[in-house]
Amino acid sequence: MLSDGYKEKCNILIPYYRKQRLYATNEGKWQKQWFYSDPTTNTPICSTRTYCSLEMQKGIFQDEIYIFAASKLDKIAEEKQDWEEMLTKESTLLIDAMNRKQDQESADIIERMLSTMQNAKNYFYYGEIAYLLQSLKVFLTDRKFVSESEYDNLNEISAIFKNELYDLCIYYLYVYASFHEDEKLEYVLHNYDYAHSKLIANQRFSVDLLEREKRYLEAQNAFENILENIVDERYNFQKLFVYSNLATLFVRFDKHIARQYCRNILELIKTIDLSQGQNYTFYLTLADLYLLMEDYTQSIELYQKALTYSKTNLIRIYSCLCFLYKIQNFEIPLEYYSSEEHEKGDKVDWLLYSYFKDYQNQEESKAIDYLLKSVLPILTHNDILYYEIVEKIIVDYCKRRKAYKPMYLLHEMKKTS
């Protein structure tokens, strides 16, 4: 006996997979009227009204229809009570581990879940759960993602997931989108409920939409509400992210408050056992924030501290350090502008870094021209720090040389960006 809840999930999966096969093969057997017919007798198993209602998710029907349709798709329509109990228990533990930012523990829980669900891929709904969990495990352990078409599939069937599984699904959709296209990020933020998730990371993601819509006061209130609700000290790691989000928000409006949140991060770091990568992330974030607040000495110290933990974004950090030395009229250490490690930076990183590498050997006016013509035009709203660096270099040059044309060009470009 299939429950109504299970049938509702099948109402989503059956038409999705049927259409997928129809588009892939263009074979008539995947058209509705033939799909819901017994191939041995060519007689329909239900009325046209029934299968149309099923495919529009407008009704619950006899078990036999779901079992028949599943078999047509080489699947089994069957509820597994022991798996359901395991999923309820283990998904709660998984949310807890992820809230504590314990990636390996989270991966181990997922592996335990997958081991219990042997041959899940053969079953409607459970196969999709296994697919979600496996994708999440690979991200947590290796920071690798599924293909774009697989991401689209997960997005299309996301409505089958409920409660903790829904939280895990929308978490994965967000992190995938954030590593790929901004258009995808806009979509998931507008279409999924991140604010009411049990996963604290999802709650933080929900505020991203408020910031994008420039609803900064609401964003501040939302972050502060998240902080207030983190009462379990085991989740203090999440406070680091929220303090970082708040500092990033306030750095635009109130540097005094932003500095206080930065101090909160520095104090909290001392009390939490962070990995090398986590230390790197937070020291790098702090260094960026102090650069934006024009506390250049502190920023240098924090970038140097970040480099003791990792050299992942080496070229980006070197560009920032070169700027910090240059803007204070200090001699730039050779190691900061002589790197040839091309794999440690992307195209944008190297375009800005080339300015510092070549700056010593060319006229300053030509270097400024390079920034205006080759660097500024490719910067996006995600490159706020680089934009700040380029703007300060140009403004500094104009003030010293009383050459205001570059500043005029800079402001004209700001109008059109």
Protein backbone atom coordinates (compact mmCIF):
# COMPACT_ATOMS: atom_id res chain seq x y z
CA MET A 1 0.00 0.00 0.00
CA LEU A 2 1.55 3.28 -1.13
CA SER A 3 0.94 6.34 1.04
CA ASP A 4 -0.47 9.56 -0.38
CA GLY A 5 2.83 11.31 0.41
CA TYR A 6 4.77 8.77 -1.64
CA LYS A 7 2.31 9.04 -4.51
CA GLU A 8 2.70 12.83 -4.53
CA LYS A 9 6.43 12.33 -5.09
CA CYS A 10 5.70 9.86 -7.89
CA ASN A 11 3.39 12.46 -9.48
CA ILE A 12 6.49 14.63 -9.90
CA LEU A 13 8.96 11.92 -10.92
CA ILE A 14 6.88 9.96 -13.42
CA PRO A 15 6.11 12.80 -15.88
CA TYR A 16 9.61 14.23 -15.43
CA TYR A 17 11.37 11.00 -16.45
CA ARG A 18 8.80 10.20 -19.14
CA LYS A 19 9.35 13.58 -20.83
CA GLN A 20 13.08 13.25 -20.42
CA ARG A 21 13.08 9.98 -22.36
CA LEU A 22 10.67 11.36 -24.96
CA TYR A 23 12.94 14.35 -25.65
CA ALA A 24 16.03 12.16 -25.72
CA THR A 25 14.69 9.47 -28.08
CA ASN A 26 11.58 10.97 -29.76
CA GLU A 27 10.09 7.47 -29.57
CA GLY A 28 6.30 7.21 -29.55
CA LYS A 29 6.22 4.81 -26.60
CA TRP A 30 7.11 7.71 -24.30
CA GLN A 31 4.13 9.80 -25.39
CA LYS A 32 1.41 9.94 -22.75
CA GLN A 33 -1.23 7.85 -24.50
CA TRP A 34 1.22 4.99 -25.12
CA PHE A 35 3.16 5.30 -21.89
CA TYR A 36 0.02 4.61 -19.85
CA SER A 37 -0.97 1.62 -22.03
CA ASP A 38 -0.15 -2.04 -21.59
CA PRO A 39 2.30 -2.83 -24.43
CA THR A 40 1.08 -6.43 -24.76
CA THR A 41 -2.56 -5.50 -25.34
CA ASN A 42 -2.27 -1.80 -26.32
CA THR A 43 -5.04 -1.02 -23.83
CA PRO A 44 -4.87 1.95 -21.45
CA ILE A 45 -4.35 1.15 -17.77
CA CYS A 46 -6.38 4.22 -16.79
CA SER A 47 -8.46 6.99 -18.33
CA THR A 48 -6.99 9.97 -20.15
CA ARG A 49 -8.36 12.19 -17.42
CA THR A 50 -6.54 10.15 -14.76
CA TYR A 51 -3.07 10.19 -16.31
CA CYS A 52 -3.39 13.85 -17.28
CA SER A 53 -4.33 14.70 -13.69
CA LEU A 54 -1.41 12.63 -12.40
CA GLU A 55 1.04 14.44 -14.66
CA MET A 56 -0.32 17.81 -13.55
CA GLN A 57 -0.01 16.68 -9.90
CA LYS A 58 -3.73 17.12 -9.37
CA GLY A 59 -4.77 13.93 -7.67
CA ILE A 60 -3.88 10.68 -5.93
CA PHE A 61 -4.68 7.46 -7.75
CA GLN A 62 -4.56 3.67 -7.42
CA ASP A 63 -1.30 1.97 -6.46
CA GLU A 64 -1.37 -0.06 -9.66
CA ILE A 65 -0.95 3.02 -11.86
CA TYR A 66 2.21 4.09 -10.05
CA ILE A 67 3.65 0.58 -9.99
CA PHE A 68 2.96 0.20 -13.72
CA ALA A 69 4.45 3.61 -14.64
CA ALA A 70 7.53 2.96 -12.50
CA SER A 71 8.14 -0.37 -14.20
CA LYS A 72 7.92 1.35 -17.58
CA LEU A 73 10.83 3.52 -16.38
CA ASP A 74 12.75 0.49 -15.05
CA LYS A 75 12.04 1.53 -11.48
CA ILE A 76 10.21 0.10 -8.47
CA ALA A 77 7.43 2.07 -6.78
CA GLU A 78 7.63 0.86 -3.19
CA GLU A 79 7.93 2.52 0.19
CA LYS A 80 10.71 1.24 2.44
CA GLN A 81 9.76 1.84 6.06
CA ASP A 82 13.17 0.88 7.45
CA TRP A 83 14.83 3.37 5.10
CA GLU A 84 12.35 6.07 6.08
CA GLU A 85 13.17 5.61 9.77
CA MET A 86 16.89 5.67 9.04
CA LEU A 87 16.58 8.81 6.90
CA THR A 88 14.68 10.66 9.63
CA LYS A 89 17.29 9.79 12.26
CA GLU A 90 20.44 10.22 10.17
CA SER A 91 19.39 13.40 8.34
CA THR A 92 18.89 15.07 11.74
CA LEU A 93 22.43 14.04 12.72
CA LEU A 94 23.70 15.29 9.35
CA ILE A 95 22.15 18.73 9.82
CA ASP A 96 23.77 18.90 13.28
CA ALA A 97 27.20 17.97 11.90
CA MET A 98 26.91 20.51 9.08
CA ASN A 99 25.87 23.22 11.55
CA ARG A 100 29.09 22.43 13.43
CA LYS A 101 30.95 22.62 10.06
CA GLN A 102 32.29 19.12 10.48
CA ASP A 103 32.68 18.15 6.83
CA GLN A 104 34.31 14.75 7.38
CA GLU A 105 31.79 13.75 10.04
CA SER A 106 29.02 14.85 7.66
CA ALA A 107 30.53 12.75 4.87
CA ASP A 108 30.75 9.74 7.20
CA ILE A 109 27.05 10.08 8.11
CA ILE A 110 26.16 10.24 4.42
CA GLU A 111 28.24 7.13 3.73
CA ARG A 112 26.37 5.34 6.51
CA MET A 113 23.04 6.37 4.97
CA LEU A 114 24.07 5.21 1.52
CA SER A 115 25.31 1.87 2.87
CA THR A 116 21.91 1.26 4.46
CA MET A 117 20.07 2.09 1.23
CA GLN A 118 21.49 -0.71 -0.88
CA ASN A 119 20.22 -0.65 -4.49
CA ALA A 120 18.37 2.61 -3.82
CA LYS A 121 18.84 3.62 -7.46
CA ASN A 122 16.27 0.99 -8.44
CA TYR A 123 13.53 2.64 -6.39
CA PHE A 124 11.47 5.75 -7.11
CA TYR A 125 12.27 8.56 -4.65
CA TYR A 126 14.99 6.66 -2.77
CA GLY A 127 17.22 6.69 -5.82
CA GLU A 128 16.89 10.47 -5.97
CA ILE A 129 17.73 10.74 -2.26
CA ALA A 130 20.83 8.62 -2.78
CA TYR A 131 21.83 10.81 -5.72
CA LEU A 132 21.44 13.98 -3.64
CA LEU A 133 23.42 12.51 -0.74
CA GLN A 134 26.24 11.27 -2.97
CA SER A 135 26.49 14.67 -4.68
CA LEU A 136 26.60 16.40 -1.30
CA LYS A 137 29.25 14.02 0.01
CA VAL A 138 31.54 14.71 -2.96
CA PHE A 139 31.16 18.44 -2.41
CA LEU A 140 31.91 18.21 1.31
CA THR A 141 35.02 16.08 0.84
CA ASP A 142 36.45 17.22 -2.51
CA ARG A 143 34.63 20.49 -3.34
CA LYS A 144 33.57 18.98 -6.67
CA PHE A 145 30.18 19.36 -8.32
CA VAL A 146 27.87 17.41 -10.60
CA SER A 147 27.50 18.44 -14.24
CA GLU A 148 25.19 21.29 -15.20
CA SER A 149 22.57 18.91 -16.63
CA GLU A 150 22.62 16.90 -13.37
CA TYR A 151 22.21 20.13 -11.41
CA ASP A 152 19.22 21.00 -13.62
CA ASN A 153 17.72 17.55 -12.93
CA LEU A 154 18.05 18.05 -9.18
CA ASN A 155 16.49 21.47 -9.46
CA GLU A 156 13.54 20.08 -11.44
CA ILE A 157 12.72 17.33 -8.92
CA SER A 158 13.52 19.31 -5.75
CA ALA A 159 9.84 19.34 -4.69
CA ILE A 160 10.04 15.63 -3.75
CA PHE A 161 12.31 16.43 -0.80
CA LYS A 162 10.77 17.38 2.54
CA ASN A 163 12.03 18.56 5.94
CA GLU A 164 15.78 17.93 6.46
CA LEU A 165 16.16 16.46 2.99
CA TYR A 166 14.72 19.66 1.53
CA ASP A 167 17.24 21.67 3.57
CA LEU A 168 20.07 19.55 2.20
CA CYS A 169 18.79 19.84 -1.37
CA ILE A 170 18.49 23.63 -1.37
CA TYR A 171 21.88 23.92 0.35
CA TYR A 172 23.47 21.96 -2.48
CA LEU A 173 21.63 23.98 -5.14
CA TYR A 174 22.89 27.23 -3.58
CA VAL A 175 26.54 26.22 -3.27
CA TYR A 176 26.51 24.90 -6.84
CA ALA A 177 24.98 28.14 -8.12
CA SER A 178 27.40 30.30 -6.11
CA PHE A 179 30.37 28.53 -7.73
CA HIS A 180 28.90 28.90 -11.22
CA GLU A 181 26.45 31.44 -12.65
CA ASP A 182 24.94 34.46 -10.92
CA GLU A 183 21.72 33.86 -12.85
CA LYS A 184 21.39 30.46 -11.16
CA LEU A 185 22.00 32.07 -7.76
CA GLU A 186 19.23 34.60 -8.38
CA TYR A 187 16.91 31.75 -9.32
CA VAL A 188 17.47 29.59 -6.23
CA LEU A 189 17.24 32.57 -3.87
CA HIS A 190 13.87 33.54 -5.32
CA ASN A 191 12.45 30.03 -5.55
CA TYR A 192 13.45 28.23 -2.35
CA ASP A 193 12.80 28.90 1.33
CA TYR A 194 16.23 29.37 2.87
CA ALA A 195 15.12 31.56 5.78
CA HIS A 196 13.26 28.84 7.70
CA SER A 197 15.80 26.07 7.24
CA LYS A 198 17.27 24.07 10.14
CA LEU A 199 20.61 24.44 8.40
CA ILE A 200 22.20 27.68 9.64
CA ALA A 201 24.13 28.09 6.40
CA ASN A 202 20.81 28.23 4.52
CA GLN A 203 19.55 30.91 6.90
CA ARG A 204 22.61 32.99 6.06
CA PHE A 205 22.10 32.37 2.35
CA SER A 206 18.57 33.79 2.63
CA VAL A 207 20.00 37.20 3.57
CA ASP A 208 21.91 37.29 0.29
CA LEU A 209 18.64 38.13 -1.46
CA LEU A 210 18.05 41.14 0.83
CA GLU A 211 21.53 42.46 0.11
CA ARG A 212 21.09 42.01 -3.62
CA GLU A 213 17.89 44.05 -3.41
CA LYS A 214 19.74 46.69 -1.33
CA ARG A 215 17.46 46.10 1.67
CA TYR A 216 20.39 46.59 4.00
CA LEU A 217 18.50 47.32 7.21
CA GLU A 218 16.44 44.17 6.76
CA ALA A 219 19.65 42.26 6.04
CA GLN A 220 21.22 43.56 9.25
CA ASN A 221 18.15 42.54 11.27
CA ALA A 222 18.09 39.11 9.65
CA PHE A 223 21.77 38.46 10.46
CA GLU A 224 21.28 39.62 14.04
CA ASN A 225 18.27 37.32 14.41
CA ILE A 226 20.38 34.41 13.20
CA LEU A 227 23.05 35.31 15.78
CA GLU A 228 20.47 35.43 18.57
CA ASN A 229 19.19 31.98 17.66
CA ILE A 230 22.64 30.35 17.76
CA VAL A 231 22.45 29.34 21.41
CA ASP A 232 24.32 26.03 21.15
CA GLU A 233 28.05 26.75 21.63
CA ARG A 234 28.84 23.82 19.34
CA TYR A 235 27.53 26.02 16.52
CA ASN A 236 29.84 28.95 17.32
CA PHE A 237 31.61 28.32 14.04
CA GLN A 238 28.49 29.65 12.32
CA LYS A 239 28.83 32.87 14.33
CA LEU A 240 32.14 33.49 12.55
CA PHE A 241 30.31 33.50 9.23
CA VAL A 242 27.53 35.76 10.52
CA TYR A 243 30.03 38.23 12.05
CA SER A 244 31.84 38.20 8.71
CA ASN A 245 28.58 38.84 6.84
CA LEU A 246 27.73 41.73 9.18
CA ALA A 247 31.20 43.27 8.92
CA THR A 248 30.98 43.06 5.12
CA LEU A 249 27.56 44.73 5.25
CA PHE A 250 28.62 47.54 7.59
CA VAL A 251 31.95 48.28 5.93
CA ARG A 252 29.95 50.28 3.37
CA PHE A 253 28.15 52.44 5.94
CA ASP A 254 29.75 52.39 9.39
CA LYS A 255 33.39 51.38 9.68
CA HIS A 256 33.29 51.65 13.48
CA ILE A 257 30.64 48.91 13.71
CA ALA A 258 32.41 46.88 11.03
CA ARG A 259 35.62 46.98 13.10
CA GLN A 260 33.72 45.70 16.13
CA TYR A 261 32.48 42.70 14.18
CA CYS A 262 36.04 42.09 12.96
CA ARG A 263 37.23 42.11 16.56
CA ASN A 264 34.46 39.62 17.39
CA ILE A 265 35.83 37.32 14.69
CA LEU A 266 39.42 37.62 15.99
CA GLU A 267 38.29 36.84 19.54
CA LEU A 268 36.10 33.91 18.51
CA ILE A 269 38.83 32.36 16.34
CA LYS A 270 40.90 31.89 19.51
CA THR A 271 38.19 29.73 21.10
CA ILE A 272 37.39 27.42 18.17
CA ASP A 273 39.49 24.58 16.81
CA LEU A 274 39.71 25.54 13.14
CA SER A 275 41.33 23.62 10.30
CA GLN A 276 44.13 25.10 8.20
CA GLY A 277 41.65 25.96 5.46
CA GLN A 278 39.18 27.54 7.86
CA ASN A 279 41.87 29.70 9.47
CA TYR A 280 42.94 30.77 5.99
CA THR A 281 39.38 31.70 5.00
CA PHE A 282 38.72 33.90 8.03
CA TYR A 283 42.11 35.64 8.06
CA LEU A 284 41.74 36.36 4.34
CA THR A 285 38.25 37.77 4.91
CA LEU A 286 39.52 39.96 7.75
CA ALA A 287 42.42 41.20 5.63
CA ASP A 288 39.98 42.20 2.86
CA LEU A 289 37.77 44.02 5.34
CA TYR A 290 40.63 45.98 6.90
CA LEU A 291 41.82 46.96 3.42
CA LEU A 292 38.35 48.33 2.65
CA MET A 293 38.41 50.20 5.99
CA GLU A 294 41.81 51.68 5.03
CA ASP A 295 43.54 50.12 8.02
CA TYR A 296 46.44 49.14 5.82
CA THR A 297 48.95 48.01 8.45
CA GLN A 298 46.46 45.58 10.01
CA SER A 299 45.47 44.37 6.55
CA ILE A 300 49.09 43.53 5.67
CA GLU A 301 49.50 41.55 8.90
CA LEU A 302 46.32 39.58 8.23
CA TYR A 303 47.21 38.74 4.61
CA GLN A 304 50.59 37.54 5.80
CA LYS A 305 48.86 35.48 8.49
CA ALA A 306 46.52 33.95 5.89
CA LEU A 307 49.53 32.94 3.78
CA THR A 308 50.90 30.87 6.68
CA TYR A 309 47.83 28.62 6.36
CA SER A 310 47.40 28.36 2.59
CA LYS A 311 48.58 29.80 -0.72
CA THR A 312 45.44 28.88 -2.64
CA ASN A 313 44.67 32.43 -3.85
CA LEU A 314 48.30 33.49 -3.92
CA ILE A 315 48.10 35.93 -6.84
CA ARG A 316 45.03 37.67 -5.40
CA ILE A 317 46.77 38.11 -2.03
CA TYR A 318 49.99 39.29 -3.66
CA SER A 319 48.07 41.95 -5.61
CA CYS A 320 46.47 43.17 -2.39
CA LEU A 321 49.83 43.24 -0.60
CA CYS A 322 51.46 45.12 -3.49
CA PHE A 323 48.68 47.69 -3.31
CA LEU A 324 48.99 48.05 0.47
CA TYR A 325 52.72 48.71 0.25
CA LYS A 326 52.40 51.01 -2.76
CA ILE A 327 49.58 53.19 -1.37
CA GLN A 328 51.67 53.84 1.75
CA ASN A 329 54.76 54.65 -0.35
CA PHE A 330 56.60 51.62 1.04
CA GLU A 331 58.95 49.60 -1.09
CA ILE A 332 57.14 46.48 -2.33
CA PRO A 333 59.02 43.29 -1.36
CA LEU A 334 60.28 41.49 -4.46
CA GLU A 335 58.49 38.21 -3.65
CA TYR A 336 55.12 39.97 -3.83
CA TYR A 337 55.43 41.13 -7.45
CA SER A 338 57.60 38.44 -9.01
CA SER A 339 55.45 35.30 -8.82
CA GLU A 340 55.05 33.13 -11.92
CA GLU A 341 52.63 30.63 -10.37
CA HIS A 342 49.89 31.00 -12.97
CA GLU A 343 47.74 28.23 -11.51
CA LYS A 344 47.30 30.26 -8.29
CA GLY A 345 45.11 32.92 -9.89
CA ASP A 346 42.40 33.34 -12.53
CA LYS A 347 42.27 35.72 -15.52
CA VAL A 348 41.08 38.70 -13.46
CA ASP A 349 43.70 38.07 -10.77
CA TRP A 350 46.47 38.06 -13.34
CA LEU A 351 45.25 41.18 -15.15
CA LEU A 352 45.55 43.21 -11.95
CA TYR A 353 48.71 41.45 -10.82
CA SER A 354 50.38 42.27 -14.16
CA TYR A 355 50.04 45.95 -13.25
CA PHE A 356 52.19 45.42 -10.17
CA LYS A 357 54.63 43.08 -11.95
CA ASP A 358 55.25 45.60 -14.75
CA TYR A 359 54.76 48.81 -12.76
CA GLN A 360 58.44 49.11 -11.81
CA ASN A 361 59.48 49.06 -15.48
CA GLN A 362 57.13 51.50 -17.20
CA GLU A 363 55.94 55.09 -17.08
CA GLU A 364 53.30 55.64 -14.43
CA SER A 365 50.90 57.25 -16.92
CA LYS A 366 51.02 54.11 -19.09
CA ALA A 367 50.41 51.94 -16.03
CA ILE A 368 47.32 54.01 -15.18
CA ASP A 369 46.15 53.74 -18.78
CA TYR A 370 46.48 49.96 -18.49
CA LEU A 371 44.24 49.94 -15.41
CA LEU A 372 41.61 52.05 -17.16
CA LYS A 373 41.56 50.11 -20.41
CA SER A 374 42.45 46.53 -19.47
CA VAL A 375 41.41 45.97 -15.85
CA LEU A 376 38.42 48.17 -14.99
CA PRO A 377 36.21 47.11 -17.95
CA ILE A 378 36.23 43.43 -16.93
CA LEU A 379 35.48 43.93 -13.23
CA THR A 380 31.98 42.95 -12.09
CA HIS A 381 29.95 43.56 -8.93
CA ASN A 382 31.73 40.50 -7.48
CA ASP A 383 35.10 42.28 -7.75
CA ILE A 384 34.45 45.01 -5.18
CA LEU A 385 37.88 44.70 -3.59
CA TYR A 386 39.71 44.96 -6.91
CA TYR A 387 37.58 47.93 -7.91
CA GLU A 388 38.50 49.64 -4.65
CA ILE A 389 42.20 49.00 -5.28
CA VAL A 390 42.11 50.30 -8.85
CA GLU A 391 40.12 53.38 -7.88
CA LYS A 392 42.49 54.30 -5.05
CA ILE A 393 45.55 53.89 -7.27
CA ILE A 394 44.03 56.17 -9.94
CA VAL A 395 42.87 58.79 -7.43
CA ASP A 396 46.27 58.79 -5.73
CA TYR A 397 47.98 59.27 -9.10
CA CYS A 398 45.67 62.16 -10.07
CA LYS A 399 46.24 63.96 -6.79
CA ARG A 400 50.01 63.66 -7.00
CA ARG A 401 50.29 64.55 -10.69
CA LYS A 402 47.34 66.96 -10.84
CA ALA A 403 46.29 64.95 -13.88
CA TYR A 404 42.55 64.64 -13.56
CA LYS A 405 41.63 63.06 -16.88
CA PRO A 406 42.04 59.49 -15.50
CA MET A 407 39.74 60.38 -12.60
CA TYR A 408 37.16 61.75 -15.03
CA LEU A 409 37.35 58.55 -17.10
CA LEU A 410 37.03 56.49 -13.93
CA HIS A 411 33.82 58.26 -12.90
CA GLU A 412 32.39 58.00 -16.42
CA MET A 413 32.99 54.27 -16.32
CA LYS A 414 31.27 54.05 -12.92
CA LYS A 415 28.16 55.67 -14.40
CA THR A 416 27.86 53.05 -17.12
CA SER A 417 28.83 49.99 -15.05
